[in-house]
N, C-alpha and C. Protein backbone atom coordinates (compact mmCIF):
# COMPACT_ATOMS: atom_id res chain seq x y z
N MET A 1 41.63 -43.12 -182.44
CA MET A 1 40.27 -43.01 -181.93
C MET A 1 39.92 -41.54 -181.67
N TYR A 2 40.80 -40.81 -180.99
CA TYR A 2 40.55 -39.42 -180.66
C TYR A 2 40.37 -38.59 -181.93
N ARG A 3 41.22 -38.86 -182.95
CA ARG A 3 41.16 -38.11 -184.20
C ARG A 3 39.82 -38.36 -184.92
N SER A 4 39.35 -39.59 -184.97
CA SER A 4 38.08 -39.90 -185.63
C SER A 4 36.91 -39.27 -184.89
N GLN A 5 36.98 -39.20 -183.56
CA GLN A 5 35.92 -38.54 -182.79
C GLN A 5 35.91 -37.04 -183.09
N LEU A 6 37.11 -36.47 -183.21
CA LEU A 6 37.22 -35.04 -183.50
C LEU A 6 36.66 -34.73 -184.89
N ILE A 7 36.95 -35.57 -185.86
CA ILE A 7 36.44 -35.38 -187.22
C ILE A 7 34.91 -35.52 -187.22
N LEU A 8 34.40 -36.53 -186.53
CA LEU A 8 32.96 -36.72 -186.45
C LEU A 8 32.29 -35.52 -185.79
N PHE A 9 32.89 -35.02 -184.72
CA PHE A 9 32.35 -33.84 -184.03
C PHE A 9 32.32 -32.64 -184.96
N ALA A 10 33.38 -32.45 -185.74
CA ALA A 10 33.45 -31.32 -186.67
C ALA A 10 32.37 -31.44 -187.75
N ILE A 11 32.14 -32.64 -188.25
CA ILE A 11 31.13 -32.84 -189.29
C ILE A 11 29.73 -32.58 -188.74
N VAL A 12 29.44 -33.14 -187.57
CA VAL A 12 28.12 -32.94 -186.96
C VAL A 12 27.91 -31.46 -186.65
N GLY A 13 28.91 -30.81 -186.09
CA GLY A 13 28.81 -29.38 -185.79
C GLY A 13 28.56 -28.56 -187.05
N GLY A 14 29.25 -28.90 -188.12
CA GLY A 14 29.06 -28.19 -189.39
C GLY A 14 27.65 -28.37 -189.93
N LEU A 15 27.14 -29.59 -189.83
CA LEU A 15 25.77 -29.84 -190.31
C LEU A 15 24.75 -29.08 -189.48
N VAL A 16 24.97 -28.99 -188.19
CA VAL A 16 24.06 -28.23 -187.34
C VAL A 16 24.07 -26.76 -187.73
N LEU A 17 25.26 -26.21 -187.97
CA LEU A 17 25.36 -24.81 -188.38
C LEU A 17 24.71 -24.57 -189.74
N ILE A 18 24.93 -25.48 -190.66
CA ILE A 18 24.30 -25.34 -191.98
C ILE A 18 22.79 -25.41 -191.85
N GLY A 19 22.30 -26.35 -191.05
CA GLY A 19 20.85 -26.48 -190.84
C GLY A 19 20.25 -25.23 -190.24
N CYS A 20 20.93 -24.66 -189.27
CA CYS A 20 20.42 -23.43 -188.64
C CYS A 20 20.44 -22.28 -189.63
N GLY A 21 21.49 -22.21 -190.43
CA GLY A 21 21.58 -21.13 -191.41
C GLY A 21 20.53 -21.23 -192.48
N SER A 22 20.25 -22.44 -192.93
CA SER A 22 19.24 -22.58 -193.99
C SER A 22 17.85 -22.30 -193.47
N THR A 23 17.59 -22.57 -192.22
CA THR A 23 16.28 -22.27 -191.65
C THR A 23 16.05 -20.78 -191.62
N ALA A 24 17.07 -20.03 -191.22
CA ALA A 24 16.93 -18.58 -191.14
C ALA A 24 16.78 -17.98 -192.53
N SER A 25 17.52 -18.50 -193.52
CA SER A 25 17.46 -17.90 -194.83
C SER A 25 16.23 -18.31 -195.62
N SER A 26 15.54 -19.38 -195.21
CA SER A 26 14.38 -19.82 -195.97
C SER A 26 13.08 -19.16 -195.50
N ARG A 27 13.16 -18.35 -194.45
CA ARG A 27 11.96 -17.66 -194.00
C ARG A 27 11.54 -16.64 -195.04
N THR A 28 10.25 -16.43 -195.15
CA THR A 28 9.71 -15.45 -196.08
C THR A 28 9.80 -14.07 -195.43
N GLU A 29 10.41 -13.17 -196.13
CA GLU A 29 10.51 -11.80 -195.64
C GLU A 29 9.15 -11.13 -195.80
N PRO A 30 8.82 -10.17 -194.94
CA PRO A 30 7.50 -9.55 -194.98
C PRO A 30 7.16 -8.93 -196.33
N ASN A 31 8.13 -8.37 -197.04
CA ASN A 31 7.85 -7.68 -198.30
C ASN A 31 8.12 -8.53 -199.53
N SER A 32 8.42 -9.81 -199.35
CA SER A 32 8.72 -10.63 -200.52
C SER A 32 7.42 -11.05 -201.20
N ALA A 33 7.55 -11.35 -202.49
CA ALA A 33 6.38 -11.74 -203.28
C ALA A 33 5.89 -13.11 -202.84
N PRO A 34 4.57 -13.32 -202.87
CA PRO A 34 4.05 -14.64 -202.53
C PRO A 34 4.42 -15.64 -203.61
N ASN A 35 4.26 -16.89 -203.29
CA ASN A 35 4.48 -17.94 -204.28
C ASN A 35 3.60 -17.63 -205.49
N PRO A 36 4.19 -17.56 -206.68
CA PRO A 36 3.37 -17.20 -207.86
C PRO A 36 2.41 -18.30 -208.31
N ASN A 37 2.59 -19.51 -207.80
CA ASN A 37 1.73 -20.62 -208.20
C ASN A 37 0.49 -20.71 -207.32
N VAL A 38 -0.64 -20.96 -207.94
CA VAL A 38 -1.89 -21.21 -207.24
C VAL A 38 -2.37 -22.58 -207.69
N THR A 39 -2.72 -23.43 -206.75
CA THR A 39 -3.25 -24.74 -207.11
C THR A 39 -4.73 -24.62 -207.44
N SER A 40 -5.26 -25.66 -208.02
CA SER A 40 -6.69 -25.69 -208.35
C SER A 40 -7.55 -25.50 -207.12
N SER A 41 -7.21 -26.19 -206.04
CA SER A 41 -8.02 -26.07 -204.83
C SER A 41 -7.88 -24.69 -204.20
N GLU A 42 -6.68 -24.10 -204.25
CA GLU A 42 -6.51 -22.73 -203.74
C GLU A 42 -7.35 -21.74 -204.54
N LEU A 43 -7.33 -21.89 -205.86
CA LEU A 43 -8.11 -20.99 -206.70
C LEU A 43 -9.60 -21.13 -206.41
N ALA A 44 -10.07 -22.36 -206.26
CA ALA A 44 -11.49 -22.57 -205.95
C ALA A 44 -11.87 -21.85 -204.67
N THR A 45 -11.01 -21.91 -203.68
CA THR A 45 -11.27 -21.22 -202.40
C THR A 45 -11.25 -19.71 -202.59
N LEU A 46 -10.27 -19.21 -203.32
CA LEU A 46 -10.16 -17.76 -203.56
C LEU A 46 -11.38 -17.22 -204.31
N LEU A 47 -11.89 -18.00 -205.24
CA LEU A 47 -13.04 -17.54 -206.03
C LEU A 47 -14.33 -17.51 -205.22
N GLN A 48 -14.36 -18.21 -204.08
CA GLN A 48 -15.54 -18.21 -203.21
C GLN A 48 -15.54 -17.05 -202.22
N GLN A 49 -14.43 -16.33 -202.12
CA GLN A 49 -14.35 -15.22 -201.18
C GLN A 49 -15.24 -14.07 -201.62
N PRO A 50 -15.65 -13.22 -200.66
CA PRO A 50 -16.49 -12.07 -201.01
C PRO A 50 -15.84 -11.12 -202.02
N ASP A 51 -14.52 -11.01 -201.97
CA ASP A 51 -13.80 -10.13 -202.90
C ASP A 51 -12.74 -10.98 -203.62
N PRO A 52 -13.18 -11.77 -204.61
CA PRO A 52 -12.24 -12.69 -205.28
C PRO A 52 -11.22 -11.94 -206.13
N PRO A 53 -10.10 -12.58 -206.43
CA PRO A 53 -9.12 -11.95 -207.31
C PRO A 53 -9.68 -11.84 -208.74
N PHE A 54 -9.08 -10.96 -209.52
CA PHE A 54 -9.41 -10.82 -210.93
C PHE A 54 -8.86 -12.04 -211.63
N LEU A 55 -9.69 -12.74 -212.38
CA LEU A 55 -9.28 -13.97 -213.06
C LEU A 55 -9.09 -13.68 -214.54
N LEU A 56 -7.85 -13.81 -215.00
CA LEU A 56 -7.47 -13.46 -216.37
C LEU A 56 -7.10 -14.70 -217.16
N ASP A 57 -7.79 -14.92 -218.26
CA ASP A 57 -7.50 -16.03 -219.19
C ASP A 57 -6.61 -15.48 -220.29
N VAL A 58 -5.44 -16.11 -220.53
CA VAL A 58 -4.52 -15.62 -221.56
C VAL A 58 -4.43 -16.59 -222.75
N ARG A 59 -5.47 -17.42 -222.89
CA ARG A 59 -5.51 -18.34 -224.03
C ARG A 59 -6.12 -17.64 -225.24
N THR A 60 -6.27 -18.37 -226.31
CA THR A 60 -6.88 -17.82 -227.51
C THR A 60 -8.40 -17.85 -227.39
N LEU A 61 -9.07 -17.11 -228.24
CA LEU A 61 -10.54 -17.07 -228.25
C LEU A 61 -11.14 -18.46 -228.42
N PRO A 62 -10.71 -19.26 -229.42
CA PRO A 62 -11.31 -20.60 -229.55
C PRO A 62 -11.13 -21.47 -228.30
N GLU A 63 -9.98 -21.37 -227.65
CA GLU A 63 -9.76 -22.15 -226.43
C GLU A 63 -10.73 -21.72 -225.33
N ALA A 64 -10.90 -20.40 -225.19
CA ALA A 64 -11.79 -19.88 -224.16
C ALA A 64 -13.25 -20.24 -224.44
N GLN A 65 -13.63 -20.25 -225.71
CA GLN A 65 -14.99 -20.63 -226.06
C GLN A 65 -15.26 -22.10 -225.76
N ALA A 66 -14.24 -22.93 -225.88
CA ALA A 66 -14.41 -24.36 -225.64
C ALA A 66 -14.61 -24.66 -224.15
N ALA A 67 -13.84 -24.00 -223.28
CA ALA A 67 -13.96 -24.24 -221.84
C ALA A 67 -13.25 -23.14 -221.08
N SER A 68 -13.94 -22.57 -220.11
CA SER A 68 -13.37 -21.52 -219.26
C SER A 68 -13.75 -21.77 -217.82
N ILE A 69 -12.98 -21.19 -216.92
CA ILE A 69 -13.29 -21.29 -215.49
C ILE A 69 -14.38 -20.28 -215.18
N PRO A 70 -15.46 -20.71 -214.54
CA PRO A 70 -16.52 -19.76 -214.17
C PRO A 70 -15.95 -18.62 -213.32
N GLY A 71 -16.38 -17.42 -213.62
CA GLY A 71 -15.87 -16.26 -212.89
C GLY A 71 -14.72 -15.57 -213.58
N THR A 72 -14.33 -16.06 -214.76
CA THR A 72 -13.25 -15.41 -215.50
C THR A 72 -13.68 -13.98 -215.83
N ASP A 73 -12.81 -13.03 -215.49
CA ASP A 73 -13.13 -11.62 -215.68
C ASP A 73 -12.73 -11.06 -217.03
N ALA A 74 -11.68 -11.61 -217.63
CA ALA A 74 -11.22 -11.07 -218.92
C ALA A 74 -10.47 -12.14 -219.70
N LEU A 75 -10.54 -12.01 -221.00
CA LEU A 75 -9.76 -12.83 -221.93
C LEU A 75 -8.84 -11.89 -222.67
N ILE A 76 -7.54 -12.01 -222.43
CA ILE A 76 -6.54 -11.25 -223.17
C ILE A 76 -5.45 -12.25 -223.55
N PRO A 77 -5.44 -12.71 -224.81
CA PRO A 77 -4.41 -13.67 -225.22
C PRO A 77 -3.01 -13.14 -224.90
N VAL A 78 -2.13 -14.03 -224.49
CA VAL A 78 -0.81 -13.61 -224.02
C VAL A 78 -0.06 -12.79 -225.07
N ASP A 79 -0.28 -13.07 -226.36
CA ASP A 79 0.43 -12.31 -227.39
C ASP A 79 -0.11 -10.88 -227.54
N GLN A 80 -1.22 -10.56 -226.88
CA GLN A 80 -1.78 -9.21 -226.89
C GLN A 80 -1.60 -8.49 -225.55
N LEU A 81 -1.15 -9.21 -224.53
CA LEU A 81 -1.15 -8.68 -223.17
C LEU A 81 -0.29 -7.44 -223.00
N ALA A 82 0.89 -7.41 -223.56
CA ALA A 82 1.79 -6.27 -223.37
C ALA A 82 1.15 -4.97 -223.86
N ARG A 83 0.42 -5.03 -224.96
CA ARG A 83 -0.19 -3.79 -225.48
C ARG A 83 -1.56 -3.50 -224.87
N ARG A 84 -2.12 -4.47 -224.13
CA ARG A 84 -3.44 -4.28 -223.52
C ARG A 84 -3.39 -4.23 -221.99
N VAL A 85 -2.18 -4.15 -221.44
CA VAL A 85 -2.00 -4.18 -219.99
C VAL A 85 -2.75 -3.04 -219.30
N ASN A 86 -2.97 -1.94 -220.02
CA ASN A 86 -3.69 -0.80 -219.45
C ASN A 86 -5.16 -1.11 -219.16
N GLU A 87 -5.67 -2.23 -219.65
CA GLU A 87 -7.05 -2.63 -219.37
C GLU A 87 -7.19 -3.26 -217.97
N LEU A 88 -6.06 -3.50 -217.31
CA LEU A 88 -6.06 -4.17 -216.01
C LEU A 88 -5.67 -3.19 -214.91
N ASP A 89 -6.15 -3.46 -213.71
CA ASP A 89 -5.86 -2.63 -212.54
C ASP A 89 -4.63 -3.20 -211.83
N PRO A 90 -3.53 -2.42 -211.81
CA PRO A 90 -2.31 -2.94 -211.19
C PRO A 90 -2.41 -3.10 -209.67
N ASN A 91 -3.44 -2.54 -209.06
CA ASN A 91 -3.61 -2.64 -207.61
C ASN A 91 -4.50 -3.80 -207.20
N GLN A 92 -5.11 -4.47 -208.16
CA GLN A 92 -6.02 -5.58 -207.86
C GLN A 92 -5.27 -6.91 -207.94
N PRO A 93 -5.52 -7.81 -207.00
CA PRO A 93 -4.92 -9.15 -207.12
C PRO A 93 -5.42 -9.82 -208.40
N ILE A 94 -4.49 -10.40 -209.15
CA ILE A 94 -4.82 -11.03 -210.42
C ILE A 94 -4.29 -12.46 -210.42
N ILE A 95 -5.13 -13.37 -210.89
CA ILE A 95 -4.68 -14.74 -211.12
C ILE A 95 -4.88 -15.03 -212.60
N VAL A 96 -3.80 -15.49 -213.22
CA VAL A 96 -3.77 -15.73 -214.66
C VAL A 96 -3.83 -17.23 -214.91
N TYR A 97 -4.54 -17.61 -215.98
CA TYR A 97 -4.51 -19.03 -216.36
C TYR A 97 -4.49 -19.19 -217.86
N CYS A 98 -3.99 -20.35 -218.27
CA CYS A 98 -3.96 -20.72 -219.69
C CYS A 98 -4.30 -22.21 -219.77
N ARG A 99 -3.82 -22.90 -220.76
CA ARG A 99 -4.13 -24.32 -220.90
C ARG A 99 -3.29 -25.17 -219.94
N SER A 100 -1.96 -24.95 -219.93
CA SER A 100 -1.09 -25.82 -219.14
C SER A 100 -0.17 -25.10 -218.16
N GLY A 101 -0.14 -23.78 -218.20
CA GLY A 101 0.70 -23.02 -217.28
C GLY A 101 1.85 -22.29 -217.94
N ASN A 102 2.19 -22.64 -219.17
CA ASN A 102 3.31 -21.98 -219.84
C ASN A 102 3.01 -20.53 -220.20
N ARG A 103 1.90 -20.30 -220.86
CA ARG A 103 1.55 -18.93 -221.26
C ARG A 103 1.23 -18.06 -220.05
N SER A 104 0.66 -18.66 -219.00
CA SER A 104 0.36 -17.85 -217.81
C SER A 104 1.66 -17.42 -217.12
N ARG A 105 2.69 -18.25 -217.17
CA ARG A 105 3.99 -17.83 -216.63
C ARG A 105 4.57 -16.69 -217.47
N GLN A 106 4.40 -16.75 -218.78
CA GLN A 106 4.84 -15.64 -219.64
C GLN A 106 4.06 -14.38 -219.28
N ALA A 107 2.77 -14.53 -219.04
CA ALA A 107 1.93 -13.38 -218.67
C ALA A 107 2.39 -12.77 -217.35
N LEU A 108 2.79 -13.61 -216.39
CA LEU A 108 3.30 -13.09 -215.12
C LEU A 108 4.50 -12.17 -215.36
N THR A 109 5.39 -12.60 -216.22
CA THR A 109 6.57 -11.80 -216.53
C THR A 109 6.16 -10.47 -217.15
N ILE A 110 5.24 -10.50 -218.10
CA ILE A 110 4.77 -9.28 -218.75
C ILE A 110 4.14 -8.34 -217.73
N LEU A 111 3.29 -8.87 -216.88
CA LEU A 111 2.60 -8.04 -215.89
C LEU A 111 3.58 -7.46 -214.87
N LYS A 112 4.52 -8.27 -214.41
CA LYS A 112 5.50 -7.77 -213.44
C LYS A 112 6.37 -6.68 -214.05
N GLN A 113 6.74 -6.84 -215.31
CA GLN A 113 7.52 -5.80 -215.99
C GLN A 113 6.72 -4.52 -216.15
N ALA A 114 5.40 -4.64 -216.17
CA ALA A 114 4.53 -3.46 -216.29
C ALA A 114 4.21 -2.85 -214.92
N GLY A 115 4.77 -3.41 -213.86
CA GLY A 115 4.58 -2.84 -212.54
C GLY A 115 3.55 -3.52 -211.66
N PHE A 116 2.94 -4.58 -212.13
CA PHE A 116 1.97 -5.32 -211.32
C PHE A 116 2.74 -6.12 -210.27
N THR A 117 2.26 -6.11 -209.04
CA THR A 117 2.97 -6.81 -207.97
C THR A 117 2.18 -7.97 -207.38
N ASN A 118 0.87 -7.94 -207.50
CA ASN A 118 0.04 -8.98 -206.89
C ASN A 118 -0.55 -9.86 -207.97
N VAL A 119 0.33 -10.60 -208.65
CA VAL A 119 -0.10 -11.48 -209.75
C VAL A 119 0.40 -12.89 -209.49
N ARG A 120 -0.47 -13.85 -209.76
CA ARG A 120 -0.14 -15.26 -209.60
C ARG A 120 -0.75 -16.02 -210.78
N HIS A 121 -0.42 -17.30 -210.90
CA HIS A 121 -1.01 -18.08 -211.99
C HIS A 121 -1.40 -19.46 -211.53
N LEU A 122 -2.38 -20.02 -212.23
CA LEU A 122 -2.87 -21.35 -211.94
C LEU A 122 -1.85 -22.36 -212.45
N ALA A 123 -1.17 -23.03 -211.52
CA ALA A 123 -0.17 -24.03 -211.88
C ALA A 123 -0.85 -25.16 -212.65
N GLY A 124 -0.31 -25.48 -213.81
CA GLY A 124 -0.90 -26.54 -214.63
C GLY A 124 -2.03 -26.07 -215.51
N GLY A 125 -2.42 -24.80 -215.39
CA GLY A 125 -3.46 -24.23 -216.22
C GLY A 125 -4.82 -24.88 -216.05
N ILE A 126 -5.69 -24.65 -217.01
CA ILE A 126 -7.04 -25.21 -216.93
C ILE A 126 -7.00 -26.74 -216.98
N ASN A 127 -5.90 -27.30 -217.50
CA ASN A 127 -5.76 -28.76 -217.48
C ASN A 127 -5.72 -29.30 -216.05
N ALA A 128 -5.24 -28.49 -215.11
CA ALA A 128 -5.15 -28.92 -213.71
C ALA A 128 -6.38 -28.52 -212.91
N TRP A 129 -7.26 -27.73 -213.49
CA TRP A 129 -8.45 -27.24 -212.80
C TRP A 129 -9.39 -28.41 -212.54
N THR A 130 -9.80 -28.56 -211.29
CA THR A 130 -10.70 -29.67 -210.93
C THR A 130 -12.13 -29.21 -210.70
N GLY A 131 -12.36 -27.92 -210.83
CA GLY A 131 -13.71 -27.39 -210.64
C GLY A 131 -14.50 -27.42 -211.94
N PRO A 132 -15.67 -26.82 -211.92
CA PRO A 132 -16.53 -26.81 -213.12
C PRO A 132 -15.95 -25.89 -214.19
N VAL A 133 -16.35 -26.13 -215.40
CA VAL A 133 -15.99 -25.26 -216.53
C VAL A 133 -17.27 -24.88 -217.26
N VAL A 134 -17.20 -23.78 -217.98
CA VAL A 134 -18.32 -23.35 -218.81
C VAL A 134 -17.80 -23.25 -220.24
N SER A 135 -18.69 -23.46 -221.19
CA SER A 135 -18.28 -23.34 -222.59
C SER A 135 -19.20 -22.34 -223.29
N GLY A 136 -18.61 -21.69 -224.28
CA GLY A 136 -19.38 -20.72 -225.06
C GLY A 136 -19.65 -19.42 -224.34
N VAL A 137 -19.12 -19.25 -223.14
CA VAL A 137 -19.34 -18.03 -222.35
C VAL A 137 -18.03 -17.27 -222.28
N LEU A 138 -18.06 -16.01 -222.68
CA LEU A 138 -16.85 -15.20 -222.63
C LEU A 138 -17.07 -14.00 -221.71
N PRO A 139 -15.98 -13.58 -221.06
CA PRO A 139 -16.10 -12.40 -220.17
C PRO A 139 -16.39 -11.13 -220.93
């Protein structure tokens, strides 16, 4: 009986220590990058602010002509982004979007490698966007 109580005590104590350690390590450090994902509702809120982020579409021209998020500031297809990165302001918050989120994640990597620090992307791309879209309008 005593041995089983001791083992149980050791297990519970270990779990408490692990729980405390994970809480401390999961805190966001002041200088760490924000979550790179932006939801549709978060983006809608950000675009309503007086100083909205720069909205970058990294899809192809035909895709952008078919449907774009109102307020899109630039269209730079992801396969052109590395050579056109100088067209963007590295000090401005940028949110990137594509059709489903794959190309925008690639764009995040390209921008971060170019020194951009305040870049995020629309998780799920325009497919996840629940707000209005415009067609035939390009930035």
